[in-house]
Protein backbone atom coordinates (compact mmCIF):
# COMPACT_ATOMS: atom_id res chain seq x y z
CA MET A 1 -0.01 0.00 -0.01
CA LEU A 2 2.81 2.44 0.83
CA VAL A 3 4.60 1.76 -2.46
CA GLU A 4 1.40 2.36 -4.43
CA THR A 5 0.78 5.61 -2.62
CA ALA A 6 4.34 6.76 -3.16
CA ARG A 7 4.16 5.78 -6.84
CA LEU A 8 1.01 7.89 -7.28
CA PHE A 9 1.93 10.91 -5.17
CA LEU A 10 5.70 11.37 -4.68
CA PHE A 11 6.69 12.54 -8.13
CA PRO A 12 3.56 14.59 -8.85
CA SER A 13 3.57 16.36 -5.49
CA LEU A 14 7.25 17.26 -5.64
CA MET A 15 6.94 18.49 -9.22
CA ALA A 16 3.96 20.65 -8.30
CA PHE A 17 5.91 22.01 -5.32
CA ALA A 18 8.85 22.81 -7.60
CA ALA A 19 6.58 24.72 -10.01
CA SER A 20 4.94 26.72 -7.26
CA SER A 21 8.31 27.46 -5.68
CA ASP A 22 9.66 28.70 -9.01
CA LEU A 23 6.60 30.89 -9.55
CA LEU A 24 6.78 32.44 -6.06
CA THR A 25 10.54 32.72 -5.53
CA MET A 26 12.14 32.25 -8.99
CA THR A 27 14.22 29.45 -7.46
CA ILE A 28 13.96 25.67 -7.27
CA SER A 29 15.64 24.32 -4.20
CA ASN A 30 18.33 21.68 -4.60
CA ARG A 31 16.44 19.73 -1.92
CA ILE A 32 13.52 19.19 -4.30
CA SER A 33 15.80 17.79 -7.00
CA LEU A 34 17.63 15.66 -4.46
CA ALA A 35 14.36 14.33 -3.02
CA LEU A 36 13.17 13.46 -6.52
CA ALA A 37 16.42 11.65 -7.36
CA LEU A 38 16.49 9.69 -4.08
CA GLY A 39 12.78 9.00 -4.33
CA PHE A 40 13.29 7.55 -7.78
CA LEU A 41 16.03 5.19 -6.62
CA ILE A 42 14.07 4.01 -3.58
CA LEU A 43 10.80 3.61 -5.44
CA ALA A 44 12.36 1.97 -8.50
CA THR A 45 13.87 -0.64 -6.18
CA ALA A 46 10.58 -1.11 -4.31
CA CYS A 47 8.69 -1.50 -7.58
CA GLY A 48 11.12 -4.09 -8.88
CA PHE A 49 12.75 -2.15 -11.70
CA THR A 50 15.55 -4.18 -13.21
CA PRO A 51 19.07 -2.79 -12.96
CA GLN A 52 18.98 -2.31 -16.72
CA ALA A 53 15.74 -0.26 -16.48
CA VAL A 54 17.20 1.89 -13.72
CA LEU A 55 20.33 2.43 -15.84
CA TRP A 56 18.23 3.59 -18.84
CA HIS A 57 16.33 6.01 -16.64
CA MET A 58 19.63 7.30 -15.21
CA LEU A 59 20.96 7.72 -18.72
CA ALA A 60 17.93 9.89 -19.58
CA GLY A 61 18.50 12.02 -16.49
CA LEU A 62 22.24 12.41 -17.07
CA GLY A 63 21.74 13.33 -20.72
CA VAL A 64 19.24 16.03 -19.81
CA LEU A 65 21.50 17.24 -17.00
CA ALA A 66 24.39 17.63 -19.45
CA ALA A 67 22.20 19.54 -21.89
CA GLY A 68 20.73 21.65 -19.09
CA LEU A 69 24.14 22.53 -17.67
CA ALA A 70 25.31 23.59 -21.16
CA LEU A 71 22.29 25.88 -21.40
CA PHE A 72 22.91 27.15 -17.87
CA ALA A 73 26.53 27.93 -18.72
CA ARG A 74 25.26 30.12 -21.57
CA ARG A 75 22.82 31.79 -19.15
CA LEU A 76 19.80 30.53 -21.16
CA ILE A 77 18.17 28.75 -18.23
CA GLY A 78 18.56 28.69 -14.49
CA GLY A 79 20.44 26.03 -12.61
CA GLY A 80 17.31 24.89 -10.81
CA ASP A 81 15.57 24.44 -14.16
CA ALA A 82 18.47 22.31 -15.44
CA LYS A 83 18.31 20.07 -12.37
CA LEU A 84 14.52 19.86 -12.39
CA ALA A 85 14.50 18.84 -16.05
CA ALA A 86 17.12 16.18 -15.33
CA VAL A 87 15.22 14.60 -12.45
CA ALA A 88 12.01 14.74 -14.45
CA ALA A 89 13.81 12.85 -17.24
CA LEU A 90 15.11 10.39 -14.65
CA TRP A 91 11.53 9.56 -13.65
CA LEU A 92 10.04 9.62 -17.16
CA GLY A 93 12.78 7.54 -18.82
CA LEU A 94 14.27 7.46 -22.29
CA ASP A 95 11.09 6.26 -23.94
CA ARG A 96 9.22 9.43 -22.89
CA LEU A 97 12.12 11.87 -23.24
CA ALA A 98 11.18 13.23 -26.68
CA ASP A 99 7.59 13.82 -25.53
CA PHE A 100 8.89 15.61 -22.44
CA ALA A 101 11.27 17.80 -24.46
CA LEU A 102 8.58 18.77 -26.96
CA LEU A 103 5.82 19.41 -24.41
CA SER A 104 8.06 21.34 -22.03
CA SER A 105 9.22 23.50 -24.94
CA LEU A 106 5.67 24.27 -26.00
CA LEU A 107 4.50 24.93 -22.45
CA GLY A 108 7.63 26.99 -21.81
CA GLY A 109 6.79 29.15 -24.80
CA ALA A 110 3.25 29.61 -23.45
CA VAL A 111 4.51 30.53 -19.97
CA THR A 112 7.01 32.96 -21.49
CA LEU A 113 4.35 34.65 -23.62
CA ALA A 114 2.04 34.88 -20.58
CA ILE A 115 4.77 36.46 -18.47
CA LEU A 116 5.66 38.91 -21.25
CA ALA A 117 1.97 39.88 -21.60
CA PHE A 118 1.74 40.33 -17.83
CA ARG A 119 4.79 42.61 -17.93
CA ARG A 120 3.18 44.84 -20.58
CA MET A 121 0.09 45.45 -18.46
CA PRO A 122 0.07 47.89 -15.56
CA LEU A 123 0.39 46.07 -12.30
CA PRO A 124 -2.97 46.04 -10.49
CA THR A 125 -2.87 47.98 -7.25
CA TRP A 126 -3.80 44.93 -5.19
CA LEU A 127 -0.55 43.29 -6.42
CA ALA A 128 1.65 46.38 -6.06
CA ASP A 129 2.93 45.35 -2.62
CA GLN A 130 3.44 41.67 -3.44
CA VAL A 131 7.14 40.89 -3.88
CA GLN A 132 6.41 37.88 -6.12
CA ALA A 133 4.25 39.95 -8.47
CA LEU A 134 6.85 42.72 -8.59
CA THR A 135 9.57 40.21 -9.41
CA LEU A 136 7.54 38.66 -12.25
CA HIS A 137 6.59 42.10 -13.54
CA GLN A 138 10.16 43.41 -13.97
CA PRO A 139 10.87 43.84 -17.69
CA ASP A 140 14.35 42.32 -17.44
CA GLY A 141 13.33 39.56 -15.05
CA GLY A 142 13.55 35.84 -15.70
CA VAL A 143 10.80 33.41 -16.52
CA PRO A 144 9.83 30.67 -14.08
CA TYR A 145 10.42 27.86 -16.55
CA GLY A 146 10.05 25.26 -13.81
CA ILE A 147 6.30 25.70 -14.27
CA ALA A 148 6.51 24.41 -17.84
CA LEU A 149 8.88 21.58 -16.90
CA ALA A 150 6.63 20.41 -14.07
CA ALA A 151 3.44 20.68 -16.15
CA ALA A 152 4.96 18.70 -19.00
CA ALA A 153 6.24 16.02 -16.64
CA LEU A 154 2.84 15.76 -14.93
CA VAL A 155 1.03 15.39 -18.23
CA ILE A 156 3.39 12.59 -19.33
CA TYR A 157 3.77 10.76 -16.00
CA PRO A 158 0.48 8.80 -16.21
CA SER A 159 1.65 7.16 -19.45
CA THR A 160 4.97 5.96 -18.01
CA SER A 161 5.97 2.56 -16.65
CA TRP A 162 5.17 3.85 -13.16
CA MET A 163 1.49 3.42 -13.88
CA ALA A 164 1.93 -0.14 -15.23
CA PHE A 165 2.50 -1.73 -11.83
């Protein structure tokens, strides 16, 4: 019963927390990425993933981490986004990696356009004293891309091997 509950709630709840954290603080804590990585290893073992299956999932995560760190080095994405994308790929696996990349790109574009539209509008007075709103409203501010990464991962997760058990 505990394994089934963890399989259904661990990844989705941590991804949702990462998205909300990115929206509110423009940061994704290393603790979230670490919890997702450790949770994967524990749950994969508990669910009976073969060592080969774990290795393929790890390969997906490491590949995305390498790509994410290259983008981070060029200041195209944040470090938290790179790590979140990598742990999402770890959970989703190689067979769902292309879907994750495509969907997170499309959702990332939508989030970016929404933030840019928000920045063109005058800030409502009821948001004028909210630090989070002010941060998002700054013309030269970043975009909380973790929202798109988490949303894409959550859309894809139900079609992964995690739901086959």
